C-alpha atoms as a PDB file:
ATOM      1  CA  MET A   1     110.258  68.709 127.013  1.00  0.00           C
ATOM      2  CA  THR A   2     112.691  71.152 128.476  1.00  0.00           C
ATOM      3  CA  ALA A   3     112.111  74.740 129.507  1.00  0.00           C
ATOM      4  CA  ASP A   4     110.745  77.277 127.028  1.00  0.00           C
ATOM      5  CA  ASN A   5     108.736  74.685 125.063  1.00  0.00           C
ATOM      6  CA  GLU A   6     111.789  73.040 123.533  1.00  0.00           C
ATOM      7  CA  ASN A   7     112.104  69.314 122.988  1.00  0.00           C
ATOM      8  CA  ASP A   8     115.262  67.345 123.661  1.00  0.00           C
ATOM      9  CA  ASP A   9     116.672  68.390 120.257  1.00  0.00           C
ATOM     10  CA  GLY A  10     116.337  72.076 121.141  1.00  0.00           C
ATOM     11  CA  VAL A  11     113.484  72.662 118.676  1.00  0.00           C
ATOM     12  CA  ASP A  12     110.704  74.813 120.088  1.00  0.00           C
ATOM     13  CA  LEU A  13     107.082  73.698 119.841  1.00  0.00           C
ATOM     14  CA  HIS A  14     106.052  76.310 117.258  1.00  0.00           C
ATOM     15  CA  THR A  15     108.937  75.380 114.963  1.00  0.00           C
ATOM     16  CA  ARG A  16     108.206  71.658 115.284  1.00  0.00           C
ATOM     17  CA  LEU A  17     104.503  72.148 114.582  1.00  0.00           C
ATOM     18  CA  ASN A  18     105.259  74.406 111.629  1.00  0.00           C
ATOM     19  CA  HIS A  19     107.452  71.683 110.132  1.00  0.00           C
ATOM     20  CA  GLU A  20     104.633  69.177 110.604  1.00  0.00           C
ATOM     21  CA  THR A  21     102.031  71.111 108.620  1.00  0.00           C
ATOM     22  CA  ALA A  22     100.803  69.849 105.289  1.00  0.00           C
ATOM     23  CA  VAL A  23      98.172  70.619 102.717  1.00  0.00           C
ATOM     24  CA  ILE A  24      95.257  68.178 102.781  1.00  0.00           C
ATOM     25  CA  SER A  25      92.175  67.945 100.597  1.00  0.00           C
ATOM     26  CA  TRP A  26      88.652  67.575 101.909  1.00  0.00           C
ATOM     27  CA  ALA A  27      88.560  64.059 100.409  1.00  0.00           C
ATOM     28  CA  GLU A  28      91.547  63.109 102.601  1.00  0.00           C
ATOM     29  CA  LEU A  29      90.055  64.839 105.646  1.00  0.00           C
ATOM     30  CA  VAL A  30      86.641  63.118 105.548  1.00  0.00           C
ATOM     31  CA  LYS A  31      87.818  60.059 107.491  1.00  0.00           C
ATOM     32  CA  HIS A  32      89.070  62.279 110.326  1.00  0.00           C
ATOM     33  CA  PHE A  33      85.809  64.239 110.304  1.00  0.00           C
ATOM     34  CA  ALA A  34      83.905  60.945 110.608  1.00  0.00           C
ATOM     35  CA  ARG A  35      85.968  60.170 113.742  1.00  0.00           C
ATOM     36  CA  GLY A  36      84.980  63.558 115.223  1.00  0.00           C
ATOM     37  CA  VAL A  37      88.545  64.836 115.605  1.00  0.00           C
ATOM     38  CA  VAL A  38      88.651  67.748 113.147  1.00  0.00           C
ATOM     39  CA  ILE A  39      89.097  71.198 114.663  1.00  0.00           C
ATOM     40  CA  ARG A  40      88.334  74.134 112.362  1.00  0.00           C
ATOM     41  CA  VAL A  41      90.624  77.134 112.833  1.00  0.00           C
ATOM     42  CA  GLY A  42      89.308  80.374 111.350  1.00  0.00           C
ATOM     43  CA  PRO A  43      91.529  82.737 109.374  1.00  0.00           C
ATOM     44  CA  GLU A  44      91.687  85.106 112.365  1.00  0.00           C
ATOM     45  CA  VAL A  45      93.798  82.615 114.328  1.00  0.00           C
ATOM     46  CA  ASP A  46      97.274  81.379 113.467  1.00  0.00           C
ATOM     47  CA  LEU A  47      97.036  77.621 112.851  1.00  0.00           C
ATOM     48  CA  ILE A  48     100.353  76.938 114.598  1.00  0.00           C
ATOM     49  CA  ASP A  49      99.322  79.023 117.619  1.00  0.00           C
ATOM     50  CA  ALA A  50      96.086  77.021 117.861  1.00  0.00           C
ATOM     51  CA  ALA A  51      97.985  73.724 117.667  1.00  0.00           C
ATOM     52  CA  ALA A  52     100.422  74.907 120.341  1.00  0.00           C
ATOM     53  CA  VAL A  53      97.548  75.936 122.625  1.00  0.00           C
ATOM     54  CA  LEU A  54      96.095  72.429 122.323  1.00  0.00           C
ATOM     55  CA  ALA A  55      99.484  70.754 122.810  1.00  0.00           C
ATOM     56  CA  GLU A  56     100.139  72.853 125.909  1.00  0.00           C
ATOM     57  CA  ASP A  57      96.585  72.330 127.241  1.00  0.00           C
ATOM     58  CA  ASP A  58      96.104  76.110 127.468  1.00  0.00           C
ATOM     59  CA  THR A  59      92.385  76.006 128.216  1.00  0.00           C
ATOM     60  CA  VAL A  60      92.099  79.770 128.803  1.00  0.00           C
ATOM     61  CA  SER A  61      93.299  80.695 125.292  1.00  0.00           C
ATOM     62  CA  LEU A  62      91.344  77.868 123.696  1.00  0.00           C
ATOM     63  CA  GLN A  63      88.130  78.852 125.471  1.00  0.00           C
ATOM     64  CA  ALA A  64      88.540  82.466 124.332  1.00  0.00           C
ATOM     65  CA  TRP A  65      88.758  81.334 120.692  1.00  0.00           C
ATOM     66  CA  ILE A  66      85.807  78.982 121.140  1.00  0.00           C
ATOM     67  CA  ASP A  67      83.762  81.813 122.664  1.00  0.00           C
ATOM     68  CA  GLN A  68      84.682  84.046 119.693  1.00  0.00           C
ATOM     69  CA  GLY A  69      83.772  81.286 117.232  1.00  0.00           C
ATOM     70  CA  THR A  70      87.216  81.355 115.629  1.00  0.00           C
ATOM     71  CA  VAL A  71      88.106  77.789 116.706  1.00  0.00           C
ATOM     72  CA  SER A  72      85.557  74.983 116.833  1.00  0.00           C
ATOM     73  CA  ARG A  73      85.023  71.329 116.229  1.00  0.00           C
ATOM     74  CA  ALA A  74      84.096  70.897 112.565  1.00  0.00           C
ATOM     75  CA  SER A  75      80.323  70.682 112.216  1.00  0.00           C
ATOM     76  CA  ASP A  76      77.999  68.865 109.839  1.00  0.00           C
ATOM     77  CA  ASP A  77      77.364  72.256 108.189  1.00  0.00           C
ATOM     78  CA  ASN A  78      81.120  72.640 107.632  1.00  0.00           C
ATOM     79  CA  ALA A  79      81.231  69.155 106.103  1.00  0.00           C
ATOM     80  CA  ARG A  80      78.358  69.912 103.721  1.00  0.00           C
ATOM     81  CA  ASP A  81      80.021  73.158 102.648  1.00  0.00           C
ATOM     82  CA  TRP A  82      83.413  71.494 102.183  1.00  0.00           C
ATOM     83  CA  THR A  83      81.855  68.616 100.234  1.00  0.00           C
ATOM     84  CA  ALA A  84      80.233  71.082  97.847  1.00  0.00           C
ATOM     85  CA  ARG A  85      83.369  73.221  97.368  1.00  0.00           C
ATOM     86  CA  GLU A  86      86.199  70.686  97.927  1.00  0.00           C
ATOM     87  CA  PRO A  87      88.717  73.179  99.335  1.00  0.00           C
ATOM     88  CA  ASP A  88      92.268  72.407 100.407  1.00  0.00           C
ATOM     89  CA  PHE A  89      93.354  72.960 104.000  1.00  0.00           C
ATOM     90  CA  TRP A  90      96.482  73.616 105.967  1.00  0.00           C
ATOM     91  CA  CYS A  91      96.594  70.763 108.448  1.00  0.00           C
ATOM     92  CA  VAL A  92      98.562  69.922 111.578  1.00  0.00           C
ATOM     93  CA  VAL A  93      97.982  67.081 114.011  1.00  0.00           C
ATOM     94  CA  THR A  94      98.028  67.525 117.765  1.00  0.00           C
ATOM     95  CA  ALA A  95      96.859  64.059 118.723  1.00  0.00           C
ATOM     96  CA  PRO A  96      94.113  63.191 118.884  1.00  0.00           C
ATOM     97  CA  TRP A  97      93.042  66.368 117.085  1.00  0.00           C
ATOM     98  CA  VAL A  98      93.468  67.260 113.419  1.00  0.00           C
ATOM     99  CA  LEU A  99      93.511  71.047 113.120  1.00  0.00           C
ATOM    100  CA  VAL A 100      92.611  72.512 109.751  1.00  0.00           C
ATOM    101  CA  GLN A 101      92.480  75.963 108.269  1.00  0.00           C
ATOM    102  CA  GLU A 102      91.018  76.482 104.844  1.00  0.00           C
ATOM    103  CA  ARG A 103      93.530  77.641 102.264  1.00  0.00           C
ATOM    104  CA  PRO A 104      92.406  80.568 100.139  1.00  0.00           C
ATOM    105  CA  GLU A 105      91.633  79.499  96.590  1.00  0.00           C
ATOM    106  CA  GLY A 106      94.742  79.812  94.435  1.00  0.00           C
ATOM    107  CA  ALA A 107      97.108  80.028  97.424  1.00  0.00           C
ATOM    108  CA  THR A 108     100.670  78.994  96.622  1.00  0.00           C
ATOM    109  CA  GLU A 109     102.502  79.598  99.935  1.00  0.00           C
ATOM    110  CA  SER A 110     104.580  76.701 101.227  1.00  0.00           C
ATOM    111  CA  THR A 111     103.753  77.299 104.906  1.00  0.00           C
ATOM    112  CA  PRO A 112     100.570  78.429 106.643  1.00  0.00           C
ATOM    113  CA  PRO A 113     100.191  82.198 106.844  1.00  0.00           C
ATOM    114  CA  THR A 114     101.095  83.823 110.130  1.00  0.00           C
ATOM    115  CA  VAL A 115      98.332  85.826 111.768  1.00  0.00           C
ATOM    116  CA  HIS A 116      99.423  88.849 113.784  1.00  0.00           C
END
């Protein structure tokens, strides 16, 4: 990486992560949950910002979100809820983590919403 969070192609981290997002169903996410690598990102936090914080190892920002309960490792309670409702998620991978944010029912946007 070069200065200002750009890779060798000149693409900044946020742009790269945004391009790597996808919609995933709970059925597709179960295997990642079983591996213990799913991170739940609440609607109060921008999914791309959360992925960037993990990629940059920004422990101060991450800890603040954990303390607020807006970012957490997916729990068994989450899994039971998601199994019952079968929601879709915005998903982005920051290895080894799979970050997910539940999509509102009926959402049609082609990229994750930006939280300001």
